[in-house]
Amino acid sequence: MTVAAQRAMTAREWGLLALLSLLWGGSFFFVAVAVRELPPLTLVTLRVGLAAALLWACAPLIGVSPPRSGRAVASIAVLGFGNNALPFALIAWGQTHLPSGLASILNAATPLFTVLAAHVLTAEEKLSGLKLFGTLAGMAGVAWLIGPDMLFGATNNAWAELAVLAAALCYALSAIYARRMRSLGLKPIDVAAGQATAATLFLAPLALIIDRPWTLPMPSGPAVASVLAIAAFSTALAFIVYFRILAGAGATNVLLVTLLVPATSVLLGALFLNERLLTRQLLGFALIAIGLAFIDGRLPRALFGGRNNPNPASGNSRLPIGQKSR
């Protein structure tokens, strides 16, 4: 797959970006509904299992093909654990204690961790001045969100917040690891279907042993609908839309969805779940948003007329296949 360089997006691509923000922002909303009745492991197993089934069922239409080498299978298995199974489970557990909007804001730290991980683990993507400023601003926002809970003893919330941040770190490390997929002859949609399948194989035995789902009461209609929605729309369809934007508009453009997802999630939580964010939480998100804007590079170019680095976000322009925000 050839990833387009950064350019101005068309109206259609902006529409796809808005759709993707709704799909991924909706994932936090659907988890918030379903996790009230289903244990996190069971919920996440259903999410990846149904998504994998849908992607493989649509394989002739979307061009999915299975891996053809042992190395490819092993790499997809690692990515399935680090990019799906573990972070999805951490976020689902975190949302047993957190509003969906706050969980999505914490998840927006993913690009911040990706920049830091790339600086440490790669030779070609070191921090520039603008990205360093953006990373510091974003991490200040994360610290502001977590700090009061740690200081004032809100133990459950603090551990839940740390779990969602750990999921964001999983996404970042997986993004670095996923770069090898193209060299293995795997298309992005192959990775999407493969990692969902691998995650299902990791999670299903744990869910059966720990949750014993056959002993659980029958979930309500809204919970069942949320499971189906998060699998079909927020996972399977979201992968397809994500890679369509990536192919057409480039990785830096698709990263804009990270700024839109929290807004979508906060709005859905406020409208349908009566969730409200504290002022300090909104301030924390503002700092994260500023950080992401500077990492992306468009804001400083607009403010300073491109007098600095003409492409300060170039380190992010090679967003690897398989990376996702939620």
C-alpha atoms as a PDB file:
ATOM      1  CA  MET A   1       0.000   0.000   0.000  1.00  0.00           C
ATOM      2  CA  THR A   2       1.331   3.419  -0.915  1.00  0.00           C
ATOM      3  CA  VAL A   3       0.661   6.056   1.699  1.00  0.00           C
ATOM      4  CA  ALA A   4       0.023   9.491   0.318  1.00  0.00           C
ATOM      5  CA  ALA A   5       2.092  12.452   1.370  1.00  0.00           C
ATOM      6  CA  GLN A   6       0.478  15.180   3.403  1.00  0.00           C
ATOM      7  CA  ARG A   7      -1.753  17.479   1.371  1.00  0.00           C
ATOM      8  CA  ALA A   8      -4.965  19.423   1.715  1.00  0.00           C
ATOM      9  CA  MET A   9      -7.912  17.074   2.153  1.00  0.00           C
ATOM     10  CA  THR A  10     -10.883  17.018  -0.158  1.00  0.00           C
ATOM     11  CA  ALA A  11     -14.441  17.523   1.075  1.00  0.00           C
ATOM     12  CA  ARG A  12     -14.998  13.774   0.820  1.00  0.00           C
ATOM     13  CA  GLU A  13     -11.938  13.052   2.967  1.00  0.00           C
ATOM     14  CA  TRP A  14     -13.087  15.562   5.575  1.00  0.00           C
ATOM     15  CA  GLY A  15     -16.393  13.719   5.598  1.00  0.00           C
ATOM     16  CA  LEU A  16     -14.618  10.388   6.081  1.00  0.00           C
ATOM     17  CA  LEU A  17     -12.566  11.924   8.895  1.00  0.00           C
ATOM     18  CA  ALA A  18     -15.741  13.115  10.616  1.00  0.00           C
ATOM     19  CA  LEU A  19     -17.218   9.616  10.184  1.00  0.00           C
ATOM     20  CA  LEU A  20     -14.095   8.047  11.680  1.00  0.00           C
ATOM     21  CA  SER A  21     -14.227  10.366  14.689  1.00  0.00           C
ATOM     22  CA  LEU A  22     -17.845   9.325  15.215  1.00  0.00           C
ATOM     23  CA  LEU A  23     -16.978   5.627  14.920  1.00  0.00           C
ATOM     24  CA  TRP A  24     -14.049   5.780  17.325  1.00  0.00           C
ATOM     25  CA  GLY A  25     -15.653   8.307  19.626  1.00  0.00           C
ATOM     26  CA  GLY A  26     -18.695   6.062  19.681  1.00  0.00           C
ATOM     27  CA  SER A  27     -16.553   3.132  20.861  1.00  0.00           C
ATOM     28  CA  PHE A  28     -16.144   4.778  24.283  1.00  0.00           C
ATOM     29  CA  PHE A  29     -19.893   5.394  24.425  1.00  0.00           C
ATOM     30  CA  PHE A  30     -20.762   1.799  23.462  1.00  0.00           C
ATOM     31  CA  VAL A  31     -18.264   0.389  25.978  1.00  0.00           C
ATOM     32  CA  ALA A  32     -19.784   2.597  28.689  1.00  0.00           C
ATOM     33  CA  VAL A  33     -23.212   1.103  27.971  1.00  0.00           C
ATOM     34  CA  ALA A  34     -22.130  -2.539  27.604  1.00  0.00           C
ATOM     35  CA  VAL A  35     -19.671  -2.673  30.516  1.00  0.00           C
ATOM     36  CA  ARG A  36     -22.527  -2.035  32.950  1.00  0.00           C
ATOM     37  CA  GLU A  37     -23.751  -5.574  32.251  1.00  0.00           C
ATOM     38  CA  LEU A  38     -20.798  -7.466  30.769  1.00  0.00           C
ATOM     39  CA  PRO A  39     -17.365  -8.042  32.353  1.00  0.00           C
ATOM     40  CA  PRO A  40     -14.557  -6.264  30.471  1.00  0.00           C
ATOM     41  CA  LEU A  41     -12.882  -9.452  29.196  1.00  0.00           C
ATOM     42  CA  THR A  42     -16.128 -10.845  27.800  1.00  0.00           C
ATOM     43  CA  LEU A  43     -17.000  -7.513  26.222  1.00  0.00           C
ATOM     44  CA  VAL A  44     -13.620  -7.123  24.536  1.00  0.00           C
ATOM     45  CA  THR A  45     -13.610 -10.738  23.339  1.00  0.00           C
ATOM     46  CA  LEU A  46     -16.982 -10.193  21.682  1.00  0.00           C
ATOM     47  CA  ARG A  47     -15.732  -6.935  20.187  1.00  0.00           C
ATOM     48  CA  VAL A  48     -12.666  -8.363  18.455  1.00  0.00           C
ATOM     49  CA  GLY A  49     -14.255 -11.724  17.674  1.00  0.00           C
ATOM     50  CA  LEU A  50     -17.261 -10.255  15.884  1.00  0.00           C
ATOM     51  CA  ALA A  51     -15.080  -7.657  14.131  1.00  0.00           C
ATOM     52  CA  ALA A  52     -12.722 -10.360  12.876  1.00  0.00           C
ATOM     53  CA  ALA A  53     -15.655 -12.428  11.631  1.00  0.00           C
ATOM     54  CA  LEU A  54     -17.069  -9.437   9.761  1.00  0.00           C
ATOM     55  CA  LEU A  55     -13.733  -8.537   8.172  1.00  0.00           C
ATOM     56  CA  TRP A  56     -13.117 -12.100   7.001  1.00  0.00           C
ATOM     57  CA  ALA A  57     -16.716 -12.393   5.757  1.00  0.00           C
ATOM     58  CA  CYS A  58     -16.134  -9.270   3.656  1.00  0.00           C
ATOM     59  CA  ALA A  59     -12.707 -10.459   2.489  1.00  0.00           C
ATOM     60  CA  PRO A  60     -13.652 -10.776  -1.216  1.00  0.00           C
ATOM     61  CA  LEU A  61     -14.977  -7.211  -1.200  1.00  0.00           C
ATOM     62  CA  ILE A  62     -12.203  -5.479   0.765  1.00  0.00           C
ATOM     63  CA  GLY A  63      -9.260  -7.609  -0.345  1.00  0.00           C
ATOM     64  CA  VAL A  64      -8.288  -9.359   2.887  1.00  0.00           C
ATOM     65  CA  SER A  65      -5.877 -12.267   2.517  1.00  0.00           C
ATOM     66  CA  PRO A  66      -4.291 -14.462   5.224  1.00  0.00           C
ATOM     67  CA  PRO A  67      -0.576 -14.268   6.072  1.00  0.00           C
ATOM     68  CA  ARG A  68       1.593 -16.655   4.097  1.00  0.00           C
ATOM     69  CA  SER A  69       4.672 -17.057   6.284  1.00  0.00           C
ATOM     70  CA  GLY A  70       5.468 -18.006   9.849  1.00  0.00           C
ATOM     71  CA  ARG A  71       7.131 -14.615  10.428  1.00  0.00           C
ATOM     72  CA  ALA A  72       4.004 -12.816   9.273  1.00  0.00           C
ATOM     73  CA  VAL A  73       1.797 -14.906  11.553  1.00  0.00           C
ATOM     74  CA  ALA A  74       4.087 -14.282  14.535  1.00  0.00           C
ATOM     75  CA  SER A  75       4.233 -10.536  13.869  1.00  0.00           C
ATOM     76  CA  ILE A  76       0.463 -10.286  13.567  1.00  0.00           C
ATOM     77  CA  ALA A  77       0.100 -12.236  16.811  1.00  0.00           C
ATOM     78  CA  VAL A  78       2.346  -9.742  18.619  1.00  0.00           C
ATOM     79  CA  LEU A  79       0.381  -6.851  17.148  1.00  0.00           C
ATOM     80  CA  GLY A  80      -2.926  -8.496  18.013  1.00  0.00           C
ATOM     81  CA  PHE A  81      -1.878  -8.649  21.646  1.00  0.00           C
ATOM     82  CA  GLY A  82      -0.277  -5.195  21.900  1.00  0.00           C
ATOM     83  CA  ASN A  83      -2.597  -3.230  19.628  1.00  0.00           C
ATOM     84  CA  ASN A  84      -5.961  -4.890  20.336  1.00  0.00           C
ATOM     85  CA  ALA A  85      -6.212  -7.419  23.160  1.00  0.00           C
ATOM     86  CA  LEU A  86      -4.321  -5.631  25.939  1.00  0.00           C
ATOM     87  CA  PRO A  87      -5.316  -1.992  25.254  1.00  0.00           C
ATOM     88  CA  PHE A  88      -8.966  -2.842  24.574  1.00  0.00           C
ATOM     89  CA  ALA A  89      -9.138  -4.755  27.869  1.00  0.00           C
ATOM     90  CA  LEU A  90      -7.419  -1.949  29.792  1.00  0.00           C
ATOM     91  CA  ILE A  91      -9.785   0.675  28.393  1.00  0.00           C
ATOM     92  CA  ALA A  92     -12.867  -1.459  29.049  1.00  0.00           C
ATOM     93  CA  TRP A  93     -11.777  -2.020  32.656  1.00  0.00           C
ATOM     94  CA  GLY A  94     -10.920   1.661  33.043  1.00  0.00           C
ATOM     95  CA  GLN A  95     -14.399   2.596  31.904  1.00  0.00           C
ATOM     96  CA  THR A  96     -15.896   0.668  34.805  1.00  0.00           C
ATOM     97  CA  HIS A  97     -14.694   3.637  36.900  1.00  0.00           C
ATOM     98  CA  LEU A  98     -14.453   6.516  34.400  1.00  0.00           C
ATOM     99  CA  PRO A  99     -16.877   8.493  32.224  1.00  0.00           C
ATOM    100  CA  SER A 100     -16.525   7.669  28.535  1.00  0.00           C
ATOM    101  CA  GLY A 101     -15.489  11.242  27.726  1.00  0.00           C
ATOM    102  CA  LEU A 102     -12.606  11.233  30.190  1.00  0.00           C
ATOM    103  CA  ALA A 103     -11.414   7.844  28.921  1.00  0.00           C
ATOM    104  CA  SER A 104     -11.323   9.191  25.366  1.00  0.00           C
ATOM    105  CA  ILE A 105      -9.369  12.269  26.485  1.00  0.00           C
ATOM    106  CA  LEU A 106      -6.762  10.088  28.194  1.00  0.00           C
ATOM    107  CA  ASN A 107      -6.585   7.902  25.089  1.00  0.00           C
ATOM    108  CA  ALA A 108      -5.732  11.040  23.097  1.00  0.00           C
ATOM    109  CA  ALA A 109      -2.267  10.782  24.666  1.00  0.00           C
ATOM    110  CA  THR A 110      -1.470   8.017  22.148  1.00  0.00           C
ATOM    111  CA  PRO A 111       0.336  10.311  19.640  1.00  0.00           C
ATOM    112  CA  LEU A 112       2.312  11.875  22.507  1.00  0.00           C
ATOM    113  CA  PHE A 113       3.580   8.456  23.569  1.00  0.00           C
ATOM    114  CA  THR A 114       4.206   7.549  19.913  1.00  0.00           C
ATOM    115  CA  VAL A 115       6.474  10.570  19.424  1.00  0.00           C
ATOM    116  CA  LEU A 116       8.411   9.746  22.592  1.00  0.00           C
ATOM    117  CA  ALA A 117       8.680   6.046  21.709  1.00  0.00           C
ATOM    118  CA  ALA A 118       9.856   6.858  18.178  1.00  0.00           C
ATOM    119  CA  HIS A 119      12.513   9.211  19.588  1.00  0.00           C
ATOM    120  CA  VAL A 120      13.868   6.471  21.860  1.00  0.00           C
ATOM    121  CA  LEU A 121      13.418   3.403  19.665  1.00  0.00           C
ATOM    122  CA  THR A 122      14.133   4.663  16.138  1.00  0.00           C
ATOM    123  CA  ALA A 123      17.097   6.373  14.535  1.00  0.00           C
ATOM    124  CA  GLU A 124      15.171   8.506  12.057  1.00  0.00           C
ATOM    125  CA  GLU A 125      12.362  10.075  14.100  1.00  0.00           C
ATOM    126  CA  LYS A 126      13.953  12.277  16.720  1.00  0.00           C
ATOM    127  CA  LEU A 127      12.144  15.088  18.481  1.00  0.00           C
ATOM    128  CA  SER A 128      12.242  18.458  16.733  1.00  0.00           C
ATOM    129  CA  GLY A 129      11.756  21.689  18.660  1.00  0.00           C
ATOM    130  CA  LEU A 130       8.073  21.936  17.764  1.00  0.00           C
ATOM    131  CA  LYS A 131       7.368  18.290  18.525  1.00  0.00           C
ATOM    132  CA  LEU A 132       9.206  18.610  21.822  1.00  0.00           C
ATOM    133  CA  PHE A 133       7.055  21.597  22.768  1.00  0.00           C
ATOM    134  CA  GLY A 134       3.909  19.745  21.704  1.00  0.00           C
ATOM    135  CA  THR A 135       4.889  16.652  23.656  1.00  0.00           C
ATOM    136  CA  LEU A 136       5.629  18.657  26.810  1.00  0.00           C
ATOM    137  CA  ALA A 137       2.304  20.511  26.538  1.00  0.00           C
ATOM    138  CA  GLY A 138       0.418  17.271  25.997  1.00  0.00           C
ATOM    139  CA  MET A 139       2.120  15.471  28.862  1.00  0.00           C
ATOM    140  CA  ALA A 140       1.370  18.468  31.101  1.00  0.00           C
ATOM    141  CA  GLY A 141      -2.277  17.954  30.215  1.00  0.00           C
ATOM    142  CA  VAL A 142      -2.060  14.267  31.108  1.00  0.00           C
ATOM    143  CA  ALA A 143      -0.346  15.091  34.414  1.00  0.00           C
ATOM    144  CA  TRP A 144      -3.052  17.667  35.173  1.00  0.00           C
ATOM    145  CA  LEU A 145      -5.751  15.061  34.569  1.00  0.00           C
ATOM    146  CA  ILE A 146      -4.141  12.396  36.751  1.00  0.00           C
ATOM    147  CA  GLY A 147      -2.579  14.568  39.454  1.00  0.00           C
ATOM    148  CA  PRO A 148      -5.639  15.540  41.532  1.00  0.00           C
ATOM    149  CA  ASP A 149      -6.845  11.936  41.810  1.00  0.00           C
ATOM    150  CA  MET A 150      -3.418  10.802  42.982  1.00  0.00           C
ATOM    151  CA  LEU A 151      -3.087  13.695  45.431  1.00  0.00           C
ATOM    152  CA  PHE A 152      -6.558  13.468  46.932  1.00  0.00           C
ATOM    153  CA  GLY A 153      -6.805   9.700  47.179  1.00  0.00           C
ATOM    154  CA  ALA A 154      -9.395   8.876  44.512  1.00  0.00           C
ATOM    155  CA  THR A 155      -7.751   5.461  44.236  1.00  0.00           C
ATOM    156  CA  ASN A 156     -10.181   3.697  41.898  1.00  0.00           C
ATOM    157  CA  ASN A 157     -10.231   6.606  39.488  1.00  0.00           C
ATOM    158  CA  ALA A 158      -6.461   6.974  39.564  1.00  0.00           C
ATOM    159  CA  TRP A 159      -5.865   3.305  38.711  1.00  0.00           C
ATOM    160  CA  ALA A 160      -8.523   3.448  35.997  1.00  0.00           C
ATOM    161  CA  GLU A 161      -6.906   6.546  34.497  1.00  0.00           C
ATOM    162  CA  LEU A 162      -3.514   4.855  34.576  1.00  0.00           C
ATOM    163  CA  ALA A 163      -5.031   1.797  32.860  1.00  0.00           C
ATOM    164  CA  VAL A 164      -6.300   3.941  29.967  1.00  0.00           C
ATOM    165  CA  LEU A 165      -2.917   5.666  29.732  1.00  0.00           C
ATOM    166  CA  ALA A 166      -1.241   2.237  29.690  1.00  0.00           C
ATOM    167  CA  ALA A 167      -3.512   1.358  26.759  1.00  0.00           C
ATOM    168  CA  ALA A 168      -2.333   4.514  24.966  1.00  0.00           C
ATOM    169  CA  LEU A 169       1.266   3.434  25.565  1.00  0.00           C
ATOM    170  CA  CYS A 170       0.415  -0.002  24.109  1.00  0.00           C
ATOM    171  CA  TYR A 171      -0.886   1.694  20.972  1.00  0.00           C
ATOM    172  CA  ALA A 172       2.294   3.781  20.709  1.00  0.00           C
ATOM    173  CA  LEU A 173       4.676   0.819  21.061  1.00  0.00           C
ATOM    174  CA  SER A 174       2.554  -1.205  18.645  1.00  0.00           C
ATOM    175  CA  ALA A 175       2.793   1.626  16.128  1.00  0.00           C
ATOM    176  CA  ILE A 176       6.576   1.353  16.171  1.00  0.00           C
ATOM    177  CA  TYR A 177       6.446  -2.438  15.914  1.00  0.00           C
ATOM    178  CA  ALA A 178       3.895  -2.369  13.077  1.00  0.00           C
ATOM    179  CA  ARG A 179       6.383  -0.854  10.655  1.00  0.00           C
ATOM    180  CA  ARG A 180       7.709  -4.309   9.845  1.00  0.00           C
ATOM    181  CA  MET A 181       4.351  -5.405   8.428  1.00  0.00           C
ATOM    182  CA  ARG A 182       4.861  -3.883   4.997  1.00  0.00           C
ATOM    183  CA  SER A 183       8.194  -5.673   4.603  1.00  0.00           C
ATOM    184  CA  LEU A 184       6.363  -8.941   5.257  1.00  0.00           C
ATOM    185  CA  GLY A 185       4.087  -8.359   2.270  1.00  0.00           C
ATOM    186  CA  LEU A 186       0.988  -7.593   4.336  1.00  0.00           C
ATOM    187  CA  LYS A 187      -1.580  -5.027   3.270  1.00  0.00           C
ATOM    188  CA  PRO A 188      -3.055  -2.788   5.986  1.00  0.00           C
ATOM    189  CA  ILE A 189      -6.444  -4.490   5.776  1.00  0.00           C
ATOM    190  CA  ASP A 190      -4.696  -7.883   6.169  1.00  0.00           C
ATOM    191  CA  VAL A 191      -3.149  -6.584   9.395  1.00  0.00           C
ATOM    192  CA  ALA A 192      -6.516  -5.274  10.592  1.00  0.00           C
ATOM    193  CA  ALA A 193      -8.235  -8.641  10.130  1.00  0.00           C
ATOM    194  CA  GLY A 194      -5.231 -10.595  11.385  1.00  0.00           C
ATOM    195  CA  GLN A 195      -4.738  -8.644  14.597  1.00  0.00           C
ATOM    196  CA  ALA A 196      -8.455  -8.836  15.440  1.00  0.00           C
ATOM    197  CA  THR A 197      -8.289 -12.613  14.918  1.00  0.00           C
ATOM    198  CA  ALA A 198      -5.158 -12.956  17.053  1.00  0.00           C
ATOM    199  CA  ALA A 199      -6.689 -10.817  19.796  1.00  0.00           C
ATOM    200  CA  THR A 200      -9.729 -13.096  19.846  1.00  0.00           C
ATOM    201  CA  LEU A 201      -7.510 -16.148  20.303  1.00  0.00           C
ATOM    202  CA  PHE A 202      -5.703 -14.445  23.189  1.00  0.00           C
ATOM    203  CA  LEU A 203      -8.823 -13.202  24.948  1.00  0.00           C
ATOM    204  CA  ALA A 204     -11.369 -15.978  24.501  1.00  0.00           C
ATOM    205  CA  PRO A 205      -9.710 -18.508  26.875  1.00  0.00           C
ATOM    206  CA  LEU A 206      -9.254 -15.824  29.546  1.00  0.00           C
ATOM    207  CA  ALA A 207     -12.868 -14.716  29.263  1.00  0.00           C
ATOM    208  CA  LEU A 208     -14.091 -18.315  29.519  1.00  0.00           C
ATOM    209  CA  ILE A 209     -11.927 -19.075  32.571  1.00  0.00           C
ATOM    210  CA  ILE A 210     -12.290 -15.786  34.477  1.00  0.00           C
ATOM    211  CA  ASP A 211     -15.755 -14.495  33.530  1.00  0.00           C
ATOM    212  CA  ARG A 212     -17.529 -17.826  32.905  1.00  0.00           C
ATOM    213  CA  PRO A 213     -19.926 -15.986  30.596  1.00  0.00           C
ATOM    214  CA  TRP A 214     -22.484 -18.819  30.552  1.00  0.00           C
ATOM    215  CA  THR A 215     -23.213 -17.991  34.213  1.00  0.00           C
ATOM    216  CA  LEU A 216     -23.932 -14.316  33.510  1.00  0.00           C
ATOM    217  CA  PRO A 217     -27.498 -13.031  33.281  1.00  0.00           C
ATOM    218  CA  MET A 218     -28.822 -12.347  29.809  1.00  0.00           C
ATOM    219  CA  PRO A 219     -27.766  -8.796  28.845  1.00  0.00           C
ATOM    220  CA  SER A 220     -30.389  -6.225  27.978  1.00  0.00           C
ATOM    221  CA  GLY A 221     -31.232  -5.042  24.486  1.00  0.00           C
ATOM    222  CA  PRO A 222     -29.132  -1.846  24.778  1.00  0.00           C
ATOM    223  CA  ALA A 223     -26.103  -3.864  25.949  1.00  0.00           C
ATOM    224  CA  VAL A 224     -26.415  -6.344  23.075  1.00  0.00           C
ATOM    225  CA  ALA A 225     -26.868  -3.493  20.587  1.00  0.00           C
ATOM    226  CA  SER A 226     -23.778  -1.765  21.991  1.00  0.00           C
ATOM    227  CA  VAL A 227     -21.672  -4.919  21.577  1.00  0.00           C
ATOM    228  CA  LEU A 228     -22.808  -5.308  17.975  1.00  0.00           C
ATOM    229  CA  ALA A 229     -22.198  -1.618  17.279  1.00  0.00           C
ATOM    230  CA  ILE A 230     -18.709  -1.529  18.747  1.00  0.00           C
ATOM    231  CA  ALA A 231     -17.731  -4.633  16.769  1.00  0.00           C
ATOM    232  CA  ALA A 232     -19.335  -3.738  13.437  1.00  0.00           C
ATOM    233  CA  PHE A 233     -18.935   0.032  13.395  1.00  0.00           C
ATOM    234  CA  SER A 234     -16.249   1.092  15.872  1.00  0.00           C
ATOM    235  CA  THR A 235     -13.867  -1.730  14.967  1.00  0.00           C
ATOM    236  CA  ALA A 236     -14.488  -3.398  11.574  1.00  0.00           C
ATOM    237  CA  LEU A 237     -15.883  -0.403   9.653  1.00  0.00           C
ATOM    238  CA  ALA A 238     -13.531   2.007  11.429  1.00  0.00           C
ATOM    239  CA  PHE A 239     -10.535   0.041  10.144  1.00  0.00           C
ATOM    240  CA  ILE A 240     -11.802   0.299   6.570  1.00  0.00           C
ATOM    241  CA  VAL A 241     -12.468   4.055   6.820  1.00  0.00           C
ATOM    242  CA  TYR A 242      -9.131   4.675   8.559  1.00  0.00           C
ATOM    243  CA  PHE A 243      -7.102   2.984   5.852  1.00  0.00           C
ATOM    244  CA  ARG A 244      -9.108   4.730   3.122  1.00  0.00           C
ATOM    245  CA  ILE A 245      -8.155   8.128   4.565  1.00  0.00           C
ATOM    246  CA  LEU A 246      -4.566   7.001   5.105  1.00  0.00           C
ATOM    247  CA  ALA A 247      -4.219   5.933   1.475  1.00  0.00           C
ATOM    248  CA  GLY A 248      -5.743   9.114   0.074  1.00  0.00           C
ATOM    249  CA  ALA A 249      -4.748  11.963   2.365  1.00  0.00           C
ATOM    250  CA  GLY A 250      -1.698  10.672   4.216  1.00  0.00           C
ATOM    251  CA  ALA A 251      -0.845   9.869   7.793  1.00  0.00           C
ATOM    252  CA  THR A 252      -0.484  13.408   9.139  1.00  0.00           C
ATOM    253  CA  ASN A 253      -3.975  14.256   7.950  1.00  0.00           C
ATOM    254  CA  VAL A 254      -5.533  11.145   9.455  1.00  0.00           C
ATOM    255  CA  LEU A 255      -3.924  11.968  12.812  1.00  0.00           C
ATOM    256  CA  LEU A 256      -6.390  14.857  13.072  1.00  0.00           C
ATOM    257  CA  VAL A 257      -8.964  12.282  14.161  1.00  0.00           C
ATOM    258  CA  THR A 258      -7.171  12.139  17.518  1.00  0.00           C
ATOM    259  CA  LEU A 259      -8.386  15.675  18.202  1.00  0.00           C
ATOM    260  CA  LEU A 260     -11.947  14.905  17.124  1.00  0.00           C
ATOM    261  CA  VAL A 261     -12.548  11.599  18.952  1.00  0.00           C
ATOM    262  CA  PRO A 262     -12.670  13.077  22.494  1.00  0.00           C
ATOM    263  CA  ALA A 263     -15.095  15.764  21.392  1.00  0.00           C
ATOM    264  CA  THR A 264     -17.389  13.143  19.865  1.00  0.00           C
ATOM    265  CA  SER A 265     -17.171  10.901  22.923  1.00  0.00           C
ATOM    266  CA  VAL A 266     -17.782  13.755  25.375  1.00  0.00           C
ATOM    267  CA  LEU A 267     -20.821  14.879  23.362  1.00  0.00           C
ATOM    268  CA  LEU A 268     -22.325  11.367  23.215  1.00  0.00           C
ATOM    269  CA  GLY A 269     -21.714  10.836  26.921  1.00  0.00           C
ATOM    270  CA  ALA A 270     -23.341  14.141  27.805  1.00  0.00           C
ATOM    271  CA  LEU A 271     -26.371  13.577  25.555  1.00  0.00           C
ATOM    272  CA  PHE A 272     -27.144   9.954  26.363  1.00  0.00           C
ATOM    273  CA  LEU A 273     -25.359   9.007  29.602  1.00  0.00           C
ATOM    274  CA  ASN A 274     -25.688  12.256  31.567  1.00  0.00           C
ATOM    275  CA  GLU A 275     -21.914  12.423  31.932  1.00  0.00           C
ATOM    276  CA  ARG A 276     -20.245  15.680  32.839  1.00  0.00           C
ATOM    277  CA  LEU A 277     -16.579  16.587  32.832  1.00  0.00           C
ATOM    278  CA  LEU A 278     -14.989  18.766  35.476  1.00  0.00           C
ATOM    279  CA  THR A 279     -13.415  22.080  34.477  1.00  0.00           C
ATOM    280  CA  ARG A 280      -9.950  20.749  35.279  1.00  0.00           C
ATOM    281  CA  GLN A 281     -10.550  17.793  32.965  1.00  0.00           C
ATOM    282  CA  LEU A 282     -11.473  20.134  30.115  1.00  0.00           C
ATOM    283  CA  LEU A 283      -8.304  22.129  30.816  1.00  0.00           C
ATOM    284  CA  GLY A 284      -6.273  18.934  30.676  1.00  0.00           C
ATOM    285  CA  PHE A 285      -7.793  18.114  27.291  1.00  0.00           C
ATOM    286  CA  ALA A 286      -7.030  21.645  26.067  1.00  0.00           C
ATOM    287  CA  LEU A 287      -3.343  21.122  26.885  1.00  0.00           C
ATOM    288  CA  ILE A 288      -3.370  17.732  25.143  1.00  0.00           C
ATOM    289  CA  ALA A 289      -5.068  19.284  22.089  1.00  0.00           C
ATOM    290  CA  ILE A 290      -2.440  22.048  21.922  1.00  0.00           C
ATOM    291  CA  GLY A 291       0.284  19.439  22.146  1.00  0.00           C
ATOM    292  CA  LEU A 292      -1.219  17.355  19.338  1.00  0.00           C
ATOM    293  CA  ALA A 293      -1.660  20.451  17.168  1.00  0.00           C
ATOM    294  CA  PHE A 294       2.039  21.298  17.501  1.00  0.00           C
ATOM    295  CA  ILE A 295       3.088  17.704  16.878  1.00  0.00           C
ATOM    296  CA  ASP A 296       0.899  17.711  13.757  1.00  0.00           C
ATOM    297  CA  GLY A 297       2.539  20.973  12.651  1.00  0.00           C
ATOM    298  CA  ARG A 298      -0.379  22.833  11.052  1.00  0.00           C
ATOM    299  CA  LEU A 299      -0.991  25.258  13.887  1.00  0.00           C
ATOM    300  CA  PRO A 300       2.585  26.578  14.078  1.00  0.00           C
ATOM    301  CA  ARG A 301       2.752  26.812  10.285  1.00  0.00           C
ATOM    302  CA  ALA A 302      -0.455  28.853  10.290  1.00  0.00           C
ATOM    303  CA  LEU A 303       0.773  31.072  13.135  1.00  0.00           C
ATOM    304  CA  PHE A 304       4.348  31.559  11.934  1.00  0.00           C
ATOM    305  CA  GLY A 305       3.893  31.300   8.197  1.00  0.00           C
ATOM    306  CA  GLY A 306       6.089  28.230   7.838  1.00  0.00           C
ATOM    307  CA  ARG A 307       9.228  30.151   8.747  1.00  0.00           C
ATOM    308  CA  ASN A 308      10.430  27.279  10.873  1.00  0.00           C
ATOM    309  CA  ASN A 309      10.581  23.703   9.741  1.00  0.00           C
ATOM    310  CA  PRO A 310       8.389  23.494   6.634  1.00  0.00           C
ATOM    311  CA  ASN A 311       7.146  20.107   7.705  1.00  0.00           C
ATOM    312  CA  PRO A 312       7.635  19.847  11.454  1.00  0.00           C
ATOM    313  CA  ALA A 313       5.428  16.818  11.693  1.00  0.00           C
ATOM    314  CA  SER A 314       7.365  14.851   9.123  1.00  0.00           C
ATOM    315  CA  GLY A 315       8.264  12.292  11.732  1.00  0.00           C
ATOM    316  CA  ASN A 316       4.587  11.373  11.896  1.00  0.00           C
ATOM    317  CA  SER A 317       4.091  11.256   8.151  1.00  0.00           C
ATOM    318  CA  ARG A 318       4.963   7.586   8.120  1.00  0.00           C
ATOM    319  CA  LEU A 319       2.253   6.407  10.461  1.00  0.00           C
ATOM    320  CA  PRO A 320       2.626   2.626  10.309  1.00  0.00           C
ATOM    321  CA  ILE A 321      -0.050   0.275   9.175  1.00  0.00           C
ATOM    322  CA  GLY A 322      -2.088  -1.122  12.003  1.00  0.00           C
ATOM    323  CA  GLN A 323      -1.942   1.951  14.284  1.00  0.00           C
ATOM    324  CA  LYS A 324      -5.218   3.174  15.680  1.00  0.00           C
ATOM    325  CA  SER A 325      -6.406   5.690  18.230  1.00  0.00           C
ATOM    326  CA  ARG A 326      -9.011   3.616  19.912  1.00  0.00           C
END
